[in-house]
Amino acid sequence: MSRLLDYLPFVAAAFAIPQFLPQITKLRTTDDTTGVSWPWAALTSVNNAAWLTYFTLAHYWTALVPSISATTLAAALAIMLSLRTEIRPRTAVAVASWTALLVAAFALAGRAGLGALLTGAFILQVTPSIWTAYRTQRPTGISRGTWTLILGELSCWLTFGVHESDPRLIVLGCSGVTAAILMLGRIETTRRRPLDRLTGDDYAAAPTA
């Protein structure tokens, strides 16, 4: 059983590599940004770049490919959203400040400093997406496929983190599974809401980032 658990990063990679493709495809097809958060996409790219460094230093080689994929595709999604929605200056400053903090932690304390920030990074990363989705009456722009893949990936990292006794991966897994369940639940409950019960506000665009 222990040997099987060693292969979980490969399973996580299978979920992670195409993770943002459903959201990117939906956005390109519909131009619907309702409920989709720019800070979430931007922070996902930044944090995965940091995880890429952490995984390299920890010799988790199988995690490198999905980290590269998430970094690249989340950045592409953030760019696409920035062309379709208004980005508030304070939001951009917050993302830039977090990026600078990660760089400083790595420069001053190496892997330990970076890991300390990454322990809670996923919570910071997904909070904007949950906040935006639950503030939007009808978050039609959110891709169910992307969040299903996130659920699959983070479930693997949670199990692998317990197997390796890695608290950072455990926190990452717990945060990711919780966030994915909340997002999928929001998508499902609003999708089933009868159209004739919606008000005019329900069709408004999501709050700007």
N, C-alpha and C. Protein backbone atom coordinates (compact mmCIF):
# COMPACT_ATOMS: atom_id res chain seq x y z
N MET A 1 0.83 -1.20 0.00
CA MET A 1 0.00 0.00 0.00
C MET A 1 0.87 1.26 0.00
N SER A 2 1.95 1.20 0.79
CA SER A 2 2.84 2.35 0.88
C SER A 2 3.45 2.68 -0.48
N ARG A 3 3.80 1.64 -1.24
CA ARG A 3 4.38 1.88 -2.56
C ARG A 3 3.37 2.53 -3.50
N LEU A 4 2.12 2.13 -3.37
CA LEU A 4 1.08 2.72 -4.22
C LEU A 4 0.93 4.21 -3.92
N LEU A 5 1.01 4.57 -2.64
CA LEU A 5 0.88 5.97 -2.26
C LEU A 5 2.03 6.81 -2.80
N ASP A 6 3.17 6.20 -3.02
CA ASP A 6 4.32 6.92 -3.58
C ASP A 6 4.04 7.42 -4.99
N TYR A 7 3.06 6.81 -5.65
CA TYR A 7 2.74 7.19 -7.02
C TYR A 7 1.63 8.25 -7.09
N LEU A 8 1.15 8.71 -5.95
CA LEU A 8 0.08 9.71 -5.95
C LEU A 8 0.46 11.01 -6.67
N PRO A 9 1.72 11.46 -6.58
CA PRO A 9 2.07 12.67 -7.35
C PRO A 9 1.82 12.52 -8.85
N PHE A 10 1.94 11.30 -9.37
CA PHE A 10 1.66 11.07 -10.78
C PHE A 10 0.17 11.25 -11.07
N VAL A 11 -0.66 10.76 -10.14
CA VAL A 11 -2.11 10.92 -10.30
C VAL A 11 -2.48 12.40 -10.17
N ALA A 12 -1.86 13.07 -9.20
CA ALA A 12 -2.10 14.51 -9.02
C ALA A 12 -1.72 15.27 -10.29
N ALA A 13 -0.62 14.85 -10.90
CA ALA A 13 -0.17 15.50 -12.14
C ALA A 13 -1.20 15.34 -13.25
N ALA A 14 -1.82 14.17 -13.32
CA ALA A 14 -2.82 13.91 -14.35
C ALA A 14 -4.01 14.85 -14.21
N PHE A 15 -4.36 15.18 -12.96
CA PHE A 15 -5.44 16.13 -12.71
C PHE A 15 -4.98 17.57 -12.95
N ALA A 16 -3.74 17.87 -12.57
CA ALA A 16 -3.26 19.25 -12.55
C ALA A 16 -2.87 19.81 -13.90
N ILE A 17 -2.26 18.98 -14.75
CA ILE A 17 -1.73 19.49 -16.02
C ILE A 17 -2.82 20.16 -16.88
N PRO A 18 -4.01 19.54 -17.04
CA PRO A 18 -5.04 20.20 -17.86
C PRO A 18 -6.01 21.05 -17.04
N GLN A 19 -5.66 21.31 -15.80
CA GLN A 19 -6.61 21.87 -14.84
C GLN A 19 -7.31 23.15 -15.28
N PHE A 20 -6.57 24.07 -15.87
CA PHE A 20 -7.16 25.36 -16.23
C PHE A 20 -7.67 25.43 -17.66
N LEU A 21 -7.48 24.36 -18.39
CA LEU A 21 -7.96 24.34 -19.77
C LEU A 21 -9.48 24.48 -19.89
N PRO A 22 -10.28 23.80 -19.02
CA PRO A 22 -11.74 23.99 -19.14
C PRO A 22 -12.15 25.45 -18.90
N GLN A 23 -11.52 26.11 -17.92
CA GLN A 23 -11.87 27.51 -17.65
C GLN A 23 -11.44 28.42 -18.79
N ILE A 24 -10.25 28.19 -19.32
CA ILE A 24 -9.76 28.99 -20.45
C ILE A 24 -10.64 28.78 -21.67
N THR A 25 -11.00 27.53 -21.93
CA THR A 25 -11.86 27.22 -23.08
C THR A 25 -13.23 27.87 -22.95
N LYS A 26 -13.79 27.79 -21.75
CA LYS A 26 -15.11 28.39 -21.53
C LYS A 26 -15.06 29.90 -21.71
N LEU A 27 -14.00 30.52 -21.20
CA LEU A 27 -13.88 31.97 -21.32
C LEU A 27 -13.70 32.38 -22.77
N ARG A 28 -12.90 31.64 -23.52
CA ARG A 28 -12.69 31.96 -24.93
C ARG A 28 -13.97 31.75 -25.75
N THR A 29 -14.75 30.75 -25.37
CA THR A 29 -15.95 30.43 -26.12
C THR A 29 -17.09 31.39 -25.84
N THR A 30 -17.26 31.76 -24.57
CA THR A 30 -18.42 32.54 -24.16
C THR A 30 -18.12 34.00 -23.83
N ASP A 31 -16.85 34.32 -23.52
CA ASP A 31 -16.48 35.66 -23.04
C ASP A 31 -17.22 36.01 -21.75
N ASP A 32 -17.69 35.00 -21.06
CA ASP A 32 -18.44 35.20 -19.81
C ASP A 32 -17.48 35.15 -18.62
N THR A 33 -17.31 36.29 -17.96
CA THR A 33 -16.42 36.36 -16.80
C THR A 33 -17.19 36.38 -15.48
N THR A 34 -18.49 36.21 -15.54
CA THR A 34 -19.34 36.31 -14.37
C THR A 34 -18.97 35.28 -13.30
N GLY A 35 -18.50 35.76 -12.16
CA GLY A 35 -18.15 34.88 -11.06
C GLY A 35 -16.70 34.42 -11.06
N VAL A 36 -15.95 34.75 -12.12
CA VAL A 36 -14.55 34.32 -12.21
C VAL A 36 -13.66 35.42 -11.65
N SER A 37 -12.75 35.06 -10.77
CA SER A 37 -11.93 36.04 -10.06
C SER A 37 -10.54 36.18 -10.69
N TRP A 38 -10.18 37.43 -11.04
CA TRP A 38 -8.82 37.68 -11.54
C TRP A 38 -7.75 37.45 -10.47
N PRO A 39 -7.94 37.92 -9.22
CA PRO A 39 -6.93 37.66 -8.20
C PRO A 39 -6.65 36.18 -8.00
N TRP A 40 -7.70 35.35 -8.11
CA TRP A 40 -7.51 33.90 -7.98
C TRP A 40 -6.57 33.38 -9.06
N ALA A 41 -6.80 33.79 -10.30
CA ALA A 41 -5.94 33.32 -11.40
C ALA A 41 -4.51 33.82 -11.22
N ALA A 42 -4.36 35.09 -10.86
CA ALA A 42 -3.03 35.67 -10.71
C ALA A 42 -2.27 35.03 -9.55
N LEU A 43 -2.94 34.88 -8.41
CA LEU A 43 -2.30 34.28 -7.24
C LEU A 43 -1.98 32.80 -7.47
N THR A 44 -2.83 32.13 -8.24
CA THR A 44 -2.56 30.72 -8.56
C THR A 44 -1.26 30.60 -9.34
N SER A 45 -1.05 31.49 -10.30
CA SER A 45 0.17 31.46 -11.08
C SER A 45 1.39 31.76 -10.20
N VAL A 46 1.28 32.77 -9.37
CA VAL A 46 2.39 33.16 -8.48
C VAL A 46 2.72 32.04 -7.49
N ASN A 47 1.69 31.50 -6.86
CA ASN A 47 1.92 30.47 -5.84
C ASN A 47 2.47 29.18 -6.44
N ASN A 48 2.01 28.83 -7.64
CA ASN A 48 2.53 27.62 -8.27
C ASN A 48 3.99 27.80 -8.70
N ALA A 49 4.36 29.02 -9.05
CA ALA A 49 5.77 29.29 -9.33
C ALA A 49 6.60 29.09 -8.06
N ALA A 50 6.03 29.51 -6.92
CA ALA A 50 6.72 29.30 -5.65
C ALA A 50 6.76 27.81 -5.27
N TRP A 51 5.65 27.11 -5.51
CA TRP A 51 5.63 25.66 -5.24
C TRP A 51 6.64 24.94 -6.14
N LEU A 52 6.80 25.43 -7.35
CA LEU A 52 7.78 24.84 -8.26
C LEU A 52 9.18 24.89 -7.64
N THR A 53 9.50 26.02 -7.02
CA THR A 53 10.79 26.15 -6.34
C THR A 53 10.86 25.22 -5.13
N TYR A 54 9.77 25.17 -4.36
CA TYR A 54 9.73 24.33 -3.17
C TYR A 54 9.87 22.85 -3.54
N PHE A 55 9.14 22.41 -4.55
CA PHE A 55 9.21 21.01 -4.97
C PHE A 55 10.60 20.65 -5.48
N THR A 56 11.24 21.59 -6.16
CA THR A 56 12.59 21.34 -6.66
C THR A 56 13.56 21.14 -5.49
N LEU A 57 13.47 22.01 -4.49
CA LEU A 57 14.36 21.91 -3.34
C LEU A 57 14.06 20.67 -2.50
N ALA A 58 12.78 20.23 -2.51
CA ALA A 58 12.39 19.05 -1.75
C ALA A 58 12.59 17.75 -2.54
N HIS A 59 13.02 17.88 -3.80
CA HIS A 59 13.24 16.73 -4.68
C HIS A 59 11.96 15.96 -5.00
N TYR A 60 10.83 16.68 -5.03
CA TYR A 60 9.56 16.09 -5.47
C TYR A 60 9.48 16.29 -6.99
N TRP A 61 10.28 15.51 -7.72
CA TRP A 61 10.44 15.76 -9.15
C TRP A 61 9.15 15.59 -9.93
N THR A 62 8.31 14.65 -9.50
CA THR A 62 7.07 14.40 -10.25
C THR A 62 6.09 15.57 -10.16
N ALA A 63 6.32 16.47 -9.20
CA ALA A 63 5.41 17.61 -9.04
C ALA A 63 5.79 18.78 -9.93
N LEU A 64 6.93 18.70 -10.59
CA LEU A 64 7.42 19.83 -11.37
C LEU A 64 6.55 20.11 -12.59
N VAL A 65 6.17 19.06 -13.32
CA VAL A 65 5.39 19.26 -14.54
C VAL A 65 4.03 19.90 -14.25
N PRO A 66 3.24 19.39 -13.28
CA PRO A 66 1.97 20.06 -13.00
C PRO A 66 2.14 21.48 -12.48
N SER A 67 3.22 21.73 -11.72
CA SER A 67 3.46 23.08 -11.22
C SER A 67 3.75 24.04 -12.37
N ILE A 68 4.53 23.57 -13.32
CA ILE A 68 4.83 24.40 -14.50
C ILE A 68 3.55 24.66 -15.29
N SER A 69 2.75 23.61 -15.46
CA SER A 69 1.49 23.75 -16.20
C SER A 69 0.56 24.74 -15.52
N ALA A 70 0.39 24.61 -14.20
CA ALA A 70 -0.51 25.50 -13.46
C ALA A 70 0.00 26.94 -13.50
N THR A 71 1.30 27.11 -13.36
CA THR A 71 1.88 28.45 -13.41
C THR A 71 1.59 29.12 -14.74
N THR A 72 1.81 28.37 -15.82
CA THR A 72 1.65 28.92 -17.17
C THR A 72 0.19 29.17 -17.53
N LEU A 73 -0.65 28.16 -17.31
CA LEU A 73 -2.06 28.30 -17.71
C LEU A 73 -2.81 29.30 -16.84
N ALA A 74 -2.51 29.34 -15.53
CA ALA A 74 -3.16 30.33 -14.66
C ALA A 74 -2.75 31.74 -15.06
N ALA A 75 -1.50 31.91 -15.47
CA ALA A 75 -1.05 33.22 -15.94
C ALA A 75 -1.80 33.61 -17.21
N ALA A 76 -1.98 32.64 -18.11
CA ALA A 76 -2.72 32.90 -19.35
C ALA A 76 -4.16 33.30 -19.03
N LEU A 77 -4.78 32.60 -18.06
CA LEU A 77 -6.15 32.93 -17.65
C LEU A 77 -6.22 34.33 -17.06
N ALA A 78 -5.24 34.68 -16.23
CA ALA A 78 -5.21 36.01 -15.62
C ALA A 78 -5.12 37.10 -16.69
N ILE A 79 -4.30 36.86 -17.72
CA ILE A 79 -4.17 37.82 -18.81
C ILE A 79 -5.50 37.94 -19.57
N MET A 80 -6.14 36.82 -19.84
CA MET A 80 -7.42 36.84 -20.54
C MET A 80 -8.47 37.61 -19.75
N LEU A 81 -8.50 37.40 -18.44
CA LEU A 81 -9.46 38.10 -17.59
C LEU A 81 -9.16 39.59 -17.53
N SER A 82 -7.88 39.94 -17.51
CA SER A 82 -7.51 41.36 -17.43
C SER A 82 -7.93 42.12 -18.69
N LEU A 83 -8.07 41.40 -19.80
CA LEU A 83 -8.51 42.03 -21.05
C LEU A 83 -10.03 42.17 -21.12
N ARG A 84 -10.72 41.48 -20.21
CA ARG A 84 -12.18 41.46 -20.26
C ARG A 84 -12.84 42.13 -19.05
N THR A 85 -12.09 42.35 -17.98
CA THR A 85 -12.65 42.96 -16.77
C THR A 85 -11.75 44.08 -16.28
N GLU A 86 -12.30 44.91 -15.46
CA GLU A 86 -11.53 46.01 -14.86
C GLU A 86 -10.82 45.50 -13.61
N ILE A 87 -9.52 45.68 -13.56
CA ILE A 87 -8.72 45.26 -12.41
C ILE A 87 -8.48 46.46 -11.52
N ARG A 88 -8.92 46.39 -10.29
CA ARG A 88 -8.71 47.49 -9.36
C ARG A 88 -7.23 47.60 -8.99
N PRO A 89 -6.71 48.84 -8.94
CA PRO A 89 -5.30 49.03 -8.60
C PRO A 89 -4.90 48.38 -7.29
N ARG A 90 -5.75 48.46 -6.28
CA ARG A 90 -5.38 47.89 -4.99
C ARG A 90 -5.29 46.36 -5.05
N THR A 91 -6.07 45.76 -5.94
CA THR A 91 -5.99 44.32 -6.11
C THR A 91 -4.67 43.93 -6.77
N ALA A 92 -4.28 44.68 -7.79
CA ALA A 92 -3.01 44.42 -8.45
C ALA A 92 -1.84 44.64 -7.49
N VAL A 93 -1.94 45.66 -6.65
CA VAL A 93 -0.89 45.93 -5.67
C VAL A 93 -0.81 44.79 -4.65
N ALA A 94 -1.95 44.26 -4.25
CA ALA A 94 -1.96 43.15 -3.29
C ALA A 94 -1.28 41.92 -3.86
N VAL A 95 -1.55 41.61 -5.11
CA VAL A 95 -0.91 40.46 -5.76
C VAL A 95 0.59 40.69 -5.88
N ALA A 96 0.98 41.89 -6.29
CA ALA A 96 2.40 42.22 -6.42
C ALA A 96 3.11 42.16 -5.06
N SER A 97 2.43 42.60 -4.01
CA SER A 97 3.02 42.57 -2.67
C SER A 97 3.24 41.15 -2.19
N TRP A 98 2.28 40.29 -2.46
CA TRP A 98 2.42 38.88 -2.07
C TRP A 98 3.58 38.22 -2.82
N THR A 99 3.70 38.57 -4.10
CA THR A 99 4.81 38.03 -4.90
C THR A 99 6.15 38.47 -4.31
N ALA A 100 6.23 39.74 -3.95
CA ALA A 100 7.47 40.26 -3.37
C ALA A 100 7.77 39.59 -2.03
N LEU A 101 6.73 39.30 -1.28
CA LEU A 101 6.91 38.65 0.02
C LEU A 101 7.46 37.24 -0.14
N LEU A 102 6.97 36.51 -1.13
CA LEU A 102 7.47 35.16 -1.41
C LEU A 102 8.95 35.20 -1.81
N VAL A 103 9.28 36.15 -2.66
CA VAL A 103 10.67 36.28 -3.11
C VAL A 103 11.57 36.62 -1.92
N ALA A 104 11.12 37.53 -1.07
CA ALA A 104 11.92 37.93 0.09
C ALA A 104 12.11 36.77 1.06
N ALA A 105 11.04 35.98 1.28
CA ALA A 105 11.13 34.85 2.20
C ALA A 105 12.14 33.82 1.70
N PHE A 106 12.13 33.59 0.40
CA PHE A 106 13.09 32.65 -0.17
C PHE A 106 14.52 33.18 -0.10
N ALA A 107 14.67 34.46 -0.37
CA ALA A 107 16.01 35.06 -0.36
C ALA A 107 16.60 35.07 1.05
N LEU A 108 15.76 35.28 2.06
CA LEU A 108 16.25 35.40 3.43
C LEU A 108 16.34 34.06 4.16
N ALA A 109 15.42 33.14 3.86
CA ALA A 109 15.38 31.89 4.64
C ALA A 109 15.32 30.63 3.79
N GLY A 110 15.50 30.77 2.49
CA GLY A 110 15.54 29.59 1.63
C GLY A 110 14.25 28.80 1.62
N ARG A 111 14.37 27.49 1.51
CA ARG A 111 13.21 26.62 1.41
C ARG A 111 12.32 26.72 2.65
N ALA A 112 12.93 26.84 3.83
CA ALA A 112 12.13 26.92 5.06
C ALA A 112 11.25 28.17 5.07
N GLY A 113 11.83 29.30 4.67
CA GLY A 113 11.06 30.53 4.64
C GLY A 113 9.96 30.49 3.61
N LEU A 114 10.29 29.96 2.43
CA LEU A 114 9.29 29.83 1.38
C LEU A 114 8.18 28.88 1.81
N GLY A 115 8.56 27.76 2.40
CA GLY A 115 7.57 26.78 2.85
C GLY A 115 6.63 27.32 3.91
N ALA A 116 7.17 28.18 4.78
CA ALA A 116 6.34 28.76 5.84
C ALA A 116 5.21 29.60 5.25
N LEU A 117 5.52 30.37 4.21
CA LEU A 117 4.48 31.17 3.57
C LEU A 117 3.53 30.31 2.74
N LEU A 118 4.08 29.30 2.10
CA LEU A 118 3.26 28.44 1.25
C LEU A 118 2.25 27.61 2.04
N THR A 119 2.51 27.44 3.34
CA THR A 119 1.59 26.67 4.17
C THR A 119 0.17 27.24 4.11
N GLY A 120 0.07 28.55 4.13
CA GLY A 120 -1.25 29.18 4.08
C GLY A 120 -1.54 29.85 2.75
N ALA A 121 -0.66 29.65 1.76
CA ALA A 121 -0.80 30.36 0.49
C ALA A 121 -2.05 29.98 -0.27
N PHE A 122 -2.43 28.70 -0.20
CA PHE A 122 -3.59 28.26 -0.98
C PHE A 122 -4.87 28.89 -0.46
N ILE A 123 -4.94 29.08 0.86
CA ILE A 123 -6.12 29.75 1.43
C ILE A 123 -6.24 31.16 0.88
N LEU A 124 -5.11 31.87 0.87
CA LEU A 124 -5.08 33.21 0.30
C LEU A 124 -5.45 33.18 -1.18
N GLN A 125 -4.99 32.16 -1.87
CA GLN A 125 -5.20 32.03 -3.31
C GLN A 125 -6.66 31.80 -3.68
N VAL A 126 -7.35 30.94 -2.94
CA VAL A 126 -8.72 30.59 -3.35
C VAL A 126 -9.79 31.48 -2.73
N THR A 127 -9.42 32.25 -1.69
CA THR A 127 -10.41 33.11 -1.05
C THR A 127 -11.09 34.07 -2.03
N PRO A 128 -10.35 34.73 -2.94
CA PRO A 128 -11.03 35.62 -3.89
C PRO A 128 -12.03 34.90 -4.78
N SER A 129 -11.71 33.67 -5.18
CA SER A 129 -12.63 32.94 -6.06
C SER A 129 -13.92 32.58 -5.33
N ILE A 130 -13.79 32.14 -4.08
CA ILE A 130 -14.97 31.79 -3.29
C ILE A 130 -15.80 33.04 -3.01
N TRP A 131 -15.11 34.11 -2.62
CA TRP A 131 -15.78 35.38 -2.31
C TRP A 131 -16.56 35.88 -3.52
N THR A 132 -15.93 35.88 -4.69
CA THR A 132 -16.58 36.36 -5.90
C THR A 132 -17.76 35.47 -6.29
N ALA A 133 -17.56 34.16 -6.21
CA ALA A 133 -18.62 33.22 -6.60
C ALA A 133 -19.86 33.36 -5.71
N TYR A 134 -19.63 33.54 -4.41
CA TYR A 134 -20.76 33.62 -3.49
C TYR A 134 -21.39 35.01 -3.43
N ARG A 135 -20.70 36.01 -3.96
CA ARG A 135 -21.29 37.34 -4.07
C ARG A 135 -22.07 37.50 -5.37
N THR A 136 -21.83 36.59 -6.30
CA THR A 136 -22.49 36.65 -7.60
C THR A 136 -23.71 35.74 -7.59
N GLN A 137 -24.86 36.31 -7.90
CA GLN A 137 -26.10 35.54 -7.84
C GLN A 137 -26.10 34.36 -8.83
N ARG A 138 -25.50 34.59 -9.98
CA ARG A 138 -25.51 33.57 -11.03
C ARG A 138 -24.10 33.51 -11.65
N PRO A 139 -23.15 32.81 -11.04
CA PRO A 139 -21.76 32.78 -11.52
C PRO A 139 -21.58 31.87 -12.74
N THR A 140 -22.15 32.30 -13.84
CA THR A 140 -22.19 31.46 -15.02
C THR A 140 -20.84 31.29 -15.71
N GLY A 141 -19.88 32.14 -15.38
CA GLY A 141 -18.59 32.06 -16.06
C GLY A 141 -17.65 31.01 -15.49
N ILE A 142 -17.97 30.47 -14.31
CA ILE A 142 -17.08 29.51 -13.66
C ILE A 142 -17.18 28.14 -14.32
N SER A 143 -16.04 27.52 -14.52
CA SER A 143 -16.00 26.20 -15.15
C SER A 143 -16.06 25.09 -14.11
N ARG A 144 -17.07 24.24 -14.22
CA ARG A 144 -17.18 23.09 -13.33
C ARG A 144 -16.01 22.13 -13.54
N GLY A 145 -15.57 21.99 -14.80
CA GLY A 145 -14.48 21.08 -15.10
C GLY A 145 -13.19 21.44 -14.39
N THR A 146 -12.86 22.73 -14.35
CA THR A 146 -11.64 23.17 -13.68
C THR A 146 -11.68 22.84 -12.20
N TRP A 147 -12.80 23.10 -11.54
CA TRP A 147 -12.87 22.87 -10.11
C TRP A 147 -12.98 21.39 -9.76
N THR A 148 -13.50 20.59 -10.68
CA THR A 148 -13.49 19.14 -10.48
C THR A 148 -12.06 18.61 -10.53
N LEU A 149 -11.27 19.13 -11.46
CA LEU A 149 -9.86 18.73 -11.56
C LEU A 149 -9.07 19.20 -10.34
N ILE A 150 -9.40 20.39 -9.84
CA ILE A 150 -8.74 20.89 -8.63
C ILE A 150 -9.05 19.97 -7.45
N LEU A 151 -10.30 19.53 -7.34
CA LEU A 151 -10.69 18.61 -6.28
C LEU A 151 -9.89 17.31 -6.38
N GLY A 152 -9.76 16.77 -7.58
CA GLY A 152 -9.01 15.54 -7.76
C GLY A 152 -7.54 15.70 -7.40
N GLU A 153 -6.93 16.78 -7.87
CA GLU A 153 -5.51 17.00 -7.60
C GLU A 153 -5.23 17.18 -6.11
N LEU A 154 -5.99 18.06 -5.47
CA LEU A 154 -5.72 18.37 -4.07
C LEU A 154 -6.06 17.20 -3.14
N SER A 155 -6.99 16.35 -3.55
CA SER A 155 -7.25 15.13 -2.78
C SER A 155 -6.01 14.24 -2.79
N CYS A 156 -5.35 14.19 -3.93
CA CYS A 156 -4.12 13.40 -4.03
C CYS A 156 -3.01 13.98 -3.16
N TRP A 157 -2.85 15.29 -3.20
CA TRP A 157 -1.80 15.91 -2.39
C TRP A 157 -2.08 15.80 -0.90
N LEU A 158 -3.35 15.83 -0.51
CA LEU A 158 -3.70 15.64 0.89
C LEU A 158 -3.28 14.25 1.35
N THR A 159 -3.63 13.25 0.57
CA THR A 159 -3.26 11.87 0.92
C THR A 159 -1.75 11.68 0.91
N PHE A 160 -1.08 12.24 -0.08
CA PHE A 160 0.37 12.12 -0.17
C PHE A 160 1.06 12.87 0.97
N GLY A 161 0.50 14.02 1.35
CA GLY A 161 1.06 14.79 2.46
C GLY A 161 0.99 14.02 3.77
N VAL A 162 -0.13 13.32 3.99
CA VAL A 162 -0.26 12.47 5.19
C VAL A 162 0.75 11.33 5.11
N HIS A 163 0.89 10.75 3.94
CA HIS A 163 1.82 9.64 3.74
C HIS A 163 3.27 10.07 4.01
N GLU A 164 3.63 11.28 3.59
CA GLU A 164 4.99 11.79 3.75
C GLU A 164 5.17 12.60 5.03
N SER A 165 4.10 12.75 5.81
CA SER A 165 4.14 13.57 7.03
C SER A 165 4.62 14.98 6.73
N ASP A 166 4.15 15.54 5.63
CA ASP A 166 4.52 16.89 5.22
C ASP A 166 3.37 17.84 5.55
N PRO A 167 3.51 18.65 6.61
CA PRO A 167 2.39 19.51 7.04
C PRO A 167 1.97 20.52 5.99
N ARG A 168 2.92 20.97 5.16
CA ARG A 168 2.58 21.95 4.14
C ARG A 168 1.65 21.35 3.09
N LEU A 169 1.94 20.12 2.69
CA LEU A 169 1.08 19.45 1.71
C LEU A 169 -0.27 19.08 2.32
N ILE A 170 -0.29 18.78 3.61
CA ILE A 170 -1.55 18.46 4.28
C ILE A 170 -2.46 19.69 4.31
N VAL A 171 -1.90 20.83 4.68
CA VAL A 171 -2.68 22.07 4.71
C VAL A 171 -3.13 22.43 3.30
N LEU A 172 -2.22 22.28 2.33
CA LEU A 172 -2.57 22.54 0.94
C LEU A 172 -3.74 21.66 0.50
N GLY A 173 -3.66 20.36 0.82
CA GLY A 173 -4.71 19.43 0.42
C GLY A 173 -6.05 19.74 1.07
N CYS A 174 -6.03 19.98 2.37
CA CYS A 174 -7.27 20.29 3.10
C CYS A 174 -7.92 21.56 2.57
N SER A 175 -7.09 22.59 2.35
CA SER A 175 -7.61 23.86 1.84
C SER A 175 -8.20 23.68 0.45
N GLY A 176 -7.48 22.94 -0.40
CA GLY A 176 -7.94 22.75 -1.77
C GLY A 176 -9.22 21.95 -1.88
N VAL A 177 -9.31 20.88 -1.12
CA VAL A 177 -10.51 20.04 -1.15
C VAL A 177 -11.72 20.85 -0.67
N THR A 178 -11.54 21.60 0.41
CA THR A 178 -12.63 22.42 0.95
C THR A 178 -13.08 23.46 -0.06
N ALA A 179 -12.11 24.16 -0.65
CA ALA A 179 -12.44 25.21 -1.62
C ALA A 179 -13.16 24.63 -2.84
N ALA A 180 -12.67 23.51 -3.34
CA ALA A 180 -13.28 22.90 -4.52
C ALA A 180 -14.72 22.47 -4.25
N ILE A 181 -14.95 21.90 -3.07
CA ILE A 181 -16.31 21.48 -2.72
C ILE A 181 -17.23 22.69 -2.62
N LEU A 182 -16.74 23.78 -2.03
CA LEU A 182 -17.54 25.00 -1.91
C LEU A 182 -17.87 25.57 -3.29
N MET A 183 -16.89 25.58 -4.18
CA MET A 183 -17.12 26.12 -5.52
C MET A 183 -18.06 25.25 -6.34
N LEU A 184 -17.86 23.95 -6.29
CA LEU A 184 -18.74 23.05 -7.03
C LEU A 184 -20.17 23.11 -6.49
N GLY A 185 -20.27 23.25 -5.16
CA GLY A 185 -21.59 23.38 -4.56
C GLY A 185 -22.29 24.65 -5.01
N ARG A 186 -21.52 25.74 -5.10
CA ARG A 186 -22.09 27.01 -5.55
C ARG A 186 -22.55 26.92 -7.00
N ILE A 187 -21.72 26.32 -7.84
CA ILE A 187 -22.08 26.16 -9.26
C ILE A 187 -23.37 25.35 -9.39
N GLU A 188 -23.44 24.27 -8.64
CA GLU A 188 -24.59 23.37 -8.75
C GLU A 188 -25.87 24.02 -8.25
N THR A 189 -25.80 24.69 -7.11
CA THR A 189 -27.02 25.28 -6.54
C THR A 189 -27.55 26.42 -7.39
N THR A 190 -26.66 27.23 -7.95
CA THR A 190 -27.13 28.34 -8.79
C THR A 190 -27.59 27.86 -10.15
N ARG A 191 -26.99 26.78 -10.66
CA ARG A 191 -27.40 26.23 -11.94
C ARG A 191 -28.82 25.69 -11.89
N ARG A 192 -29.19 25.13 -10.74
CA ARG A 192 -30.51 24.53 -10.60
C ARG A 192 -31.59 25.54 -10.26
N ARG A 193 -31.20 26.78 -9.97
CA ARG A 193 -32.20 27.78 -9.60
C ARG A 193 -33.08 28.10 -10.80
N PRO A 194 -34.40 28.03 -10.64
CA PRO A 194 -35.30 28.32 -11.76
C PRO A 194 -35.09 29.73 -12.28
N LEU A 195 -35.06 29.87 -13.60
CA LEU A 195 -34.82 31.17 -14.21
C LEU A 195 -35.91 32.17 -13.88
N ASP A 196 -37.16 31.72 -13.75
CA ASP A 196 -38.25 32.65 -13.51
C ASP A 196 -38.25 33.21 -12.10
N ARG A 197 -37.34 32.69 -11.23
CA ARG A 197 -37.26 33.21 -9.88
C ARG A 197 -36.11 34.19 -9.74
N LEU A 198 -35.34 34.40 -10.80
CA LEU A 198 -34.22 35.31 -10.74
C LEU A 198 -34.69 36.75 -10.90
N THR A 199 -34.00 37.66 -10.26
CA THR A 199 -34.29 39.08 -10.42
C THR A 199 -33.33 39.66 -11.43
N GLY A 200 -33.51 40.94 -11.75
CA GLY A 200 -32.62 41.57 -12.70
C GLY A 200 -31.19 41.58 -12.21
N ASP A 201 -30.99 41.69 -10.89
CA ASP A 201 -29.64 41.72 -10.34
C ASP A 201 -28.91 40.41 -10.57
N ASP A 202 -29.65 39.32 -10.73
CA ASP A 202 -29.03 38.03 -10.91
C ASP A 202 -28.25 37.94 -12.22
N TYR A 203 -28.55 38.81 -13.14
CA TYR A 203 -27.89 38.74 -14.43
C TYR A 203 -26.73 39.72 -14.53
N ALA A 204 -26.50 40.45 -13.45
CA ALA A 204 -25.41 41.41 -13.45
C ALA A 204 -24.06 40.71 -13.46
N ALA A 205 -23.07 41.37 -13.96
CA ALA A 205 -21.73 40.79 -13.99
C ALA A 205 -21.19 40.68 -12.58
N ALA A 206 -20.20 39.81 -12.42
CA ALA A 206 -19.58 39.63 -11.12
C ALA A 206 -18.87 40.90 -10.71
N PRO A 207 -18.65 41.12 -9.39
CA PRO A 207 -17.91 42.30 -8.94
C PRO A 207 -16.53 42.32 -9.57
N THR A 208 -16.06 43.50 -9.91
CA THR A 208 -14.74 43.60 -10.52
C THR A 208 -13.68 43.22 -9.52
N ALA A 209 -12.54 42.74 -10.02
CA ALA A 209 -11.47 42.26 -9.14
C ALA A 209 -10.84 43.40 -8.39
